[in-house]
Structures are given as C-alpha cells and as structure tokens.
Amino acid sequence: SGDMNHILGLCKIYVDSIGRDSFESVRVEHHRAKSEHMEVSDILINLQDPAAPWLYEKVKGLGYFCTGILPASSKCDYLIMQTMLYGTIDYNIFQTPPQFRELLEAVRLLDPEGDL
C-alpha cells in the first residue's frame, strides 16, 4: 500500500508480504505517485521475506535504488529503496561531514543517474 504525503511530495510504499502480484501493486502505486505529482517515492521491502531479492531486482527497473535499511521492530526490518519522480539529485550540493562522505558516495553509486 502507498501513503501519499502531499505536503512533503513523498510517497511511501510498504511491502510487508511478497507474492505474485507484489510487483504489479508497486507499479500501480508508483504510477499513482507520479500522477499525484509526488517528487520522491520510497519503497520499504520486508527483508525477512524470502522473495525480497526478487522484488529488489524488479523495482530497480522502475528507477529505484537502495538508500538504506530500517531496523523496524521485532516484526521485520526493511530495505529502503528510493527514486526521484521529478528532477534529479545534485550530489555536489550536499555539505557532508568527512565521516559521512563515503556513505554519500555509496548511495550515489547506487543511483542509476548518480554518474550524470
């Protein structure tokens, strides 16, 4: 299911259980986010689901890339993937402390448009 925050321009899609129709559901929510003019879309995938690697590979085709892991609770941990629906990320404008530059570079390398 997708939660749209029109104030932040953010869509969050939670995938707690992965089945045959999961990718299609994500695709529908992704389209809905674009049609509602969200700027960013996050997908949170349950890492304890054995099909998580399959869904990860599928959503990369929609332009999503890994941005982190959310240790949620005893219920599950989530892999966070994100895409920009409008615009691009300018990694050169971040004022990053030295200890986080390597992390920012790792995220940039996962971004399909990070080298542009």
N, C-alpha and C. Protein backbone atom coordinates (compact mmCIF):
# COMPACT_ATOMS: atom_id res chain seq x y z
N SER A 1 0.84 -1.18 0.00
CA SER A 1 0.00 0.00 0.00
C SER A 1 0.88 1.24 0.00
N GLY A 2 0.39 2.31 -0.61
CA GLY A 2 1.16 3.54 -0.70
C GLY A 2 0.54 4.66 0.10
N ASP A 3 1.38 5.36 0.85
CA ASP A 3 0.94 6.54 1.60
C ASP A 3 1.48 7.77 0.88
N MET A 4 0.59 8.68 0.52
CA MET A 4 0.98 9.91 -0.17
C MET A 4 0.99 11.07 0.81
N ASN A 5 2.10 11.77 0.90
CA ASN A 5 2.20 12.97 1.72
C ASN A 5 2.36 14.15 0.76
N HIS A 6 1.26 14.85 0.50
CA HIS A 6 1.27 15.93 -0.48
C HIS A 6 2.06 17.15 0.00
N ILE A 7 2.19 17.32 1.30
CA ILE A 7 2.97 18.44 1.82
C ILE A 7 4.45 18.23 1.53
N LEU A 8 4.95 17.01 1.76
CA LEU A 8 6.36 16.70 1.51
C LEU A 8 6.63 16.26 0.08
N GLY A 9 5.56 15.92 -0.67
CA GLY A 9 5.75 15.40 -2.02
C GLY A 9 6.36 14.02 -2.00
N LEU A 10 5.99 13.22 -1.01
CA LEU A 10 6.60 11.91 -0.76
C LEU A 10 5.57 10.80 -0.77
N CYS A 11 5.89 9.75 -1.49
CA CYS A 11 5.08 8.53 -1.48
C CYS A 11 5.90 7.45 -0.78
N LYS A 12 5.27 6.73 0.15
CA LYS A 12 5.92 5.59 0.81
C LYS A 12 5.09 4.36 0.51
N ILE A 13 5.75 3.36 -0.07
CA ILE A 13 5.11 2.10 -0.42
C ILE A 13 5.70 1.02 0.48
N TYR A 14 4.85 0.42 1.30
CA TYR A 14 5.28 -0.63 2.21
C TYR A 14 4.94 -1.99 1.62
N VAL A 15 5.93 -2.89 1.58
CA VAL A 15 5.71 -4.25 1.10
C VAL A 15 6.07 -5.19 2.25
N ASP A 16 5.05 -5.62 2.98
CA ASP A 16 5.28 -6.49 4.13
C ASP A 16 5.32 -7.96 3.76
N SER A 17 4.55 -8.33 2.74
CA SER A 17 4.48 -9.73 2.30
C SER A 17 4.53 -9.75 0.78
N ILE A 18 5.47 -10.49 0.24
CA ILE A 18 5.69 -10.50 -1.21
C ILE A 18 5.03 -11.73 -1.83
N GLY A 19 4.20 -11.46 -2.81
CA GLY A 19 3.52 -12.51 -3.55
C GLY A 19 3.61 -12.26 -5.04
N ARG A 20 2.87 -13.04 -5.81
CA ARG A 20 2.92 -12.93 -7.27
C ARG A 20 2.53 -11.55 -7.78
N ASP A 21 1.61 -10.90 -7.10
CA ASP A 21 1.12 -9.61 -7.57
C ASP A 21 1.83 -8.41 -6.94
N SER A 22 2.87 -8.65 -6.15
CA SER A 22 3.54 -7.56 -5.44
C SER A 22 4.16 -6.54 -6.38
N PHE A 23 4.83 -7.00 -7.41
CA PHE A 23 5.46 -6.04 -8.32
C PHE A 23 4.40 -5.21 -9.03
N GLU A 24 3.33 -5.83 -9.46
CA GLU A 24 2.26 -5.09 -10.12
C GLU A 24 1.65 -4.07 -9.17
N SER A 25 1.48 -4.43 -7.92
CA SER A 25 0.96 -3.48 -6.92
C SER A 25 1.90 -2.30 -6.74
N VAL A 26 3.20 -2.56 -6.69
CA VAL A 26 4.19 -1.50 -6.57
C VAL A 26 4.12 -0.61 -7.81
N ARG A 27 4.02 -1.23 -8.98
CA ARG A 27 3.95 -0.48 -10.24
C ARG A 27 2.74 0.47 -10.25
N VAL A 28 1.61 -0.02 -9.77
CA VAL A 28 0.38 0.80 -9.71
C VAL A 28 0.58 1.97 -8.76
N GLU A 29 1.16 1.71 -7.57
CA GLU A 29 1.40 2.79 -6.60
C GLU A 29 2.42 3.79 -7.13
N HIS A 30 3.43 3.29 -7.83
CA HIS A 30 4.45 4.15 -8.44
C HIS A 30 3.78 5.09 -9.45
N HIS A 31 2.91 4.55 -10.28
CA HIS A 31 2.18 5.36 -11.26
C HIS A 31 1.27 6.38 -10.56
N ARG A 32 0.61 5.94 -9.51
CA ARG A 32 -0.27 6.84 -8.74
C ARG A 32 0.54 8.00 -8.15
N ALA A 33 1.73 7.70 -7.64
CA ALA A 33 2.59 8.74 -7.08
C ALA A 33 2.96 9.77 -8.14
N LYS A 34 3.28 9.29 -9.33
CA LYS A 34 3.61 10.21 -10.42
C LYS A 34 2.39 11.04 -10.82
N SER A 35 1.23 10.40 -10.89
CA SER A 35 0.03 11.12 -11.31
C SER A 35 -0.42 12.14 -10.26
N GLU A 36 -0.07 11.91 -9.00
CA GLU A 36 -0.40 12.86 -7.94
C GLU A 36 0.75 13.85 -7.69
N HIS A 37 1.72 13.85 -8.59
CA HIS A 37 2.83 14.81 -8.59
C HIS A 37 3.70 14.75 -7.34
N MET A 38 3.90 13.54 -6.82
CA MET A 38 4.87 13.37 -5.74
C MET A 38 6.26 13.59 -6.34
N GLU A 39 7.20 14.04 -5.55
CA GLU A 39 8.55 14.28 -6.03
C GLU A 39 9.47 13.08 -5.80
N VAL A 40 9.21 12.36 -4.72
CA VAL A 40 10.05 11.23 -4.33
C VAL A 40 9.15 10.06 -3.95
N SER A 41 9.62 8.86 -4.26
CA SER A 41 8.89 7.66 -3.85
C SER A 41 9.86 6.71 -3.16
N ASP A 42 9.44 6.26 -1.98
CA ASP A 42 10.21 5.26 -1.22
C ASP A 42 9.46 3.93 -1.26
N ILE A 43 10.21 2.86 -1.37
CA ILE A 43 9.65 1.52 -1.20
C ILE A 43 10.36 0.90 -0.01
N LEU A 44 9.59 0.37 0.92
CA LEU A 44 10.16 -0.33 2.07
C LEU A 44 9.79 -1.80 1.93
N ILE A 45 10.80 -2.64 1.74
CA ILE A 45 10.61 -4.07 1.48
C ILE A 45 11.01 -4.87 2.72
N ASN A 46 10.12 -5.74 3.15
CA ASN A 46 10.39 -6.61 4.30
C ASN A 46 11.56 -7.52 3.96
N LEU A 47 12.67 -7.34 4.68
CA LEU A 47 13.87 -8.13 4.42
C LEU A 47 13.76 -9.58 4.87
N GLN A 48 12.78 -9.88 5.70
CA GLN A 48 12.63 -11.26 6.16
C GLN A 48 11.84 -12.11 5.17
N ASP A 49 11.26 -11.48 4.16
CA ASP A 49 10.52 -12.24 3.15
C ASP A 49 11.52 -12.87 2.19
N PRO A 50 11.44 -14.18 1.95
CA PRO A 50 12.40 -14.85 1.06
C PRO A 50 12.40 -14.30 -0.37
N ALA A 51 11.33 -13.64 -0.79
CA ALA A 51 11.25 -13.10 -2.14
C ALA A 51 11.77 -11.66 -2.23
N ALA A 52 12.31 -11.12 -1.14
CA ALA A 52 12.81 -9.75 -1.15
C ALA A 52 13.85 -9.51 -2.25
N PRO A 53 14.82 -10.41 -2.48
CA PRO A 53 15.79 -10.17 -3.55
C PRO A 53 15.13 -10.07 -4.93
N TRP A 54 14.10 -10.88 -5.16
CA TRP A 54 13.38 -10.84 -6.44
C TRP A 54 12.72 -9.47 -6.64
N LEU A 55 12.01 -8.99 -5.61
CA LEU A 55 11.32 -7.70 -5.72
C LEU A 55 12.34 -6.57 -5.84
N TYR A 56 13.43 -6.66 -5.13
CA TYR A 56 14.51 -5.66 -5.23
C TYR A 56 14.95 -5.51 -6.69
N GLU A 57 15.21 -6.61 -7.35
CA GLU A 57 15.66 -6.57 -8.75
C GLU A 57 14.57 -6.00 -9.66
N LYS A 58 13.32 -6.35 -9.41
CA LYS A 58 12.22 -5.87 -10.25
C LYS A 58 12.04 -4.36 -10.13
N VAL A 59 12.07 -3.81 -8.92
CA VAL A 59 11.81 -2.38 -8.76
C VAL A 59 12.99 -1.52 -9.21
N LYS A 60 14.17 -2.11 -9.32
CA LYS A 60 15.29 -1.38 -9.90
C LYS A 60 14.95 -0.96 -11.32
N GLY A 61 14.15 -1.77 -12.01
CA GLY A 61 13.72 -1.45 -13.36
C GLY A 61 12.81 -0.24 -13.43
N LEU A 62 12.23 0.16 -12.31
CA LEU A 62 11.40 1.36 -12.25
C LEU A 62 12.22 2.59 -11.86
N GLY A 63 13.53 2.39 -11.67
CA GLY A 63 14.41 3.50 -11.32
C GLY A 63 14.72 3.62 -9.84
N TYR A 64 14.26 2.68 -9.02
CA TYR A 64 14.53 2.72 -7.58
C TYR A 64 15.95 2.21 -7.31
N PHE A 65 16.55 2.77 -6.27
CA PHE A 65 17.86 2.30 -5.84
C PHE A 65 17.90 2.26 -4.32
N CYS A 66 18.78 1.44 -3.78
CA CYS A 66 18.87 1.24 -2.34
C CYS A 66 19.43 2.49 -1.66
N THR A 67 18.72 2.93 -0.61
CA THR A 67 19.21 4.08 0.16
C THR A 67 19.41 3.75 1.63
N GLY A 68 19.09 2.52 2.04
CA GLY A 68 19.34 2.18 3.44
C GLY A 68 18.52 1.02 3.94
N ILE A 69 18.66 0.78 5.22
CA ILE A 69 17.93 -0.28 5.91
C ILE A 69 17.31 0.34 7.15
N LEU A 70 16.06 -0.03 7.40
CA LEU A 70 15.35 0.45 8.58
C LEU A 70 15.09 -0.73 9.50
N PRO A 71 15.83 -0.81 10.62
CA PRO A 71 15.52 -1.84 11.61
C PRO A 71 14.22 -1.44 12.31
N ALA A 72 13.12 -2.03 11.88
CA ALA A 72 11.80 -1.56 12.28
C ALA A 72 11.39 -2.03 13.66
N SER A 73 11.37 -3.32 13.86
CA SER A 73 10.88 -3.84 15.13
C SER A 73 11.11 -5.34 15.15
N SER A 74 10.47 -6.02 16.08
CA SER A 74 10.54 -7.49 16.10
C SER A 74 9.74 -8.06 14.93
N LYS A 75 8.88 -7.23 14.33
CA LYS A 75 8.07 -7.67 13.19
C LYS A 75 8.95 -7.94 11.97
N CYS A 76 9.76 -6.96 11.57
CA CYS A 76 10.65 -7.13 10.43
C CYS A 76 11.57 -5.93 10.31
N ASP A 77 12.57 -6.08 9.46
CA ASP A 77 13.45 -4.98 9.07
C ASP A 77 13.14 -4.68 7.61
N TYR A 78 13.33 -3.43 7.21
CA TYR A 78 13.01 -3.02 5.85
C TYR A 78 14.24 -2.57 5.08
N LEU A 79 14.29 -2.95 3.81
CA LEU A 79 15.22 -2.38 2.86
C LEU A 79 14.53 -1.16 2.28
N ILE A 80 15.20 -0.02 2.27
CA ILE A 80 14.61 1.21 1.74
C ILE A 80 15.19 1.46 0.35
N MET A 81 14.28 1.63 -0.60
CA MET A 81 14.67 1.99 -1.96
C MET A 81 13.96 3.29 -2.30
N GLN A 82 14.57 4.09 -3.15
CA GLN A 82 14.02 5.41 -3.43
C GLN A 82 14.22 5.76 -4.89
N THR A 83 13.32 6.58 -5.41
CA THR A 83 13.50 7.16 -6.74
C THR A 83 12.98 8.58 -6.74
N MET A 84 13.59 9.40 -7.57
CA MET A 84 13.11 10.75 -7.80
C MET A 84 12.10 10.67 -8.94
N LEU A 85 10.91 11.17 -8.70
CA LEU A 85 9.89 11.13 -9.75
C LEU A 85 9.98 12.35 -10.65
N TYR A 86 10.45 13.46 -10.12
CA TYR A 86 10.64 14.68 -10.89
C TYR A 86 11.96 15.29 -10.48
N GLY A 87 12.77 15.61 -11.42
CA GLY A 87 14.07 16.21 -11.12
C GLY A 87 15.12 15.14 -10.85
N THR A 88 16.27 15.59 -10.42
CA THR A 88 17.38 14.70 -10.13
C THR A 88 18.05 15.15 -8.83
N ILE A 89 18.90 14.30 -8.32
CA ILE A 89 19.65 14.63 -7.10
C ILE A 89 20.99 15.24 -7.50
N ASP A 90 21.30 16.41 -7.00
CA ASP A 90 22.60 17.03 -7.22
C ASP A 90 23.47 16.71 -6.01
N TYR A 91 24.28 15.67 -6.13
CA TYR A 91 25.11 15.22 -5.01
C TYR A 91 26.20 16.22 -4.64
N ASN A 92 26.50 17.17 -5.53
CA ASN A 92 27.55 18.15 -5.27
C ASN A 92 27.13 19.24 -4.29
N ILE A 93 25.82 19.39 -4.05
CA ILE A 93 25.38 20.46 -3.15
C ILE A 93 25.35 20.04 -1.68
N PHE A 94 25.47 18.74 -1.41
CA PHE A 94 25.44 18.27 -0.03
C PHE A 94 26.68 18.75 0.72
N GLN A 95 26.48 19.30 1.89
CA GLN A 95 27.59 19.68 2.76
C GLN A 95 27.72 18.57 3.79
N THR A 96 28.55 17.61 3.45
CA THR A 96 28.64 16.37 4.22
C THR A 96 29.89 16.36 5.09
N PRO A 97 29.74 16.09 6.38
CA PRO A 97 30.93 15.94 7.23
C PRO A 97 31.81 14.81 6.71
N PRO A 98 33.11 14.91 6.90
CA PRO A 98 34.03 13.91 6.36
C PRO A 98 33.65 12.46 6.68
N GLN A 99 33.14 12.20 7.87
CA GLN A 99 32.84 10.81 8.24
C GLN A 99 31.65 10.24 7.45
N PHE A 100 30.88 11.09 6.76
CA PHE A 100 29.72 10.61 6.00
C PHE A 100 29.91 10.70 4.49
N ARG A 101 31.03 11.22 4.03
CA ARG A 101 31.26 11.35 2.58
C ARG A 101 31.28 10.00 1.89
N GLU A 102 31.87 9.01 2.54
CA GLU A 102 31.93 7.66 1.95
C GLU A 102 30.53 7.07 1.81
N LEU A 103 29.69 7.29 2.79
CA LEU A 103 28.31 6.81 2.74
C LEU A 103 27.54 7.51 1.61
N LEU A 104 27.69 8.82 1.49
CA LEU A 104 27.02 9.55 0.42
C LEU A 104 27.49 9.05 -0.95
N GLU A 105 28.77 8.78 -1.09
CA GLU A 105 29.31 8.27 -2.35
C GLU A 105 28.75 6.88 -2.66
N ALA A 106 28.58 6.05 -1.65
CA ALA A 106 28.00 4.71 -1.86
C ALA A 106 26.56 4.82 -2.35
N VAL A 107 25.79 5.74 -1.79
CA VAL A 107 24.41 5.95 -2.25
C VAL A 107 24.41 6.49 -3.68
N ARG A 108 25.29 7.44 -3.96
CA ARG A 108 25.38 8.00 -5.31
C ARG A 108 25.67 6.91 -6.35
N LEU A 109 26.55 5.98 -6.01
CA LEU A 109 26.90 4.90 -6.93
C LEU A 109 25.73 3.95 -7.18
N LEU A 110 24.79 3.86 -6.24
CA LEU A 110 23.62 3.01 -6.44
C LEU A 110 22.52 3.71 -7.25
N ASP A 111 22.60 5.03 -7.34
CA ASP A 111 21.62 5.83 -8.07
C ASP A 111 21.85 5.63 -9.56
N PRO A 112 20.84 5.17 -10.32
CA PRO A 112 21.03 4.97 -11.77
C PRO A 112 21.47 6.24 -12.50
N GLU A 113 21.18 7.41 -11.96
CA GLU A 113 21.58 8.66 -12.59
C GLU A 113 22.68 9.35 -11.80
N GLY A 114 23.28 8.65 -10.85
CA GLY A 114 24.28 9.26 -9.97
C GLY A 114 25.56 9.67 -10.64
N ASP A 115 25.83 9.13 -11.82
CA ASP A 115 27.07 9.47 -12.51
C ASP A 115 26.87 10.51 -13.60
N LEU A 116 25.66 11.05 -13.68
CA LEU A 116 25.38 12.04 -14.73
C LEU A 116 25.71 13.44 -14.26
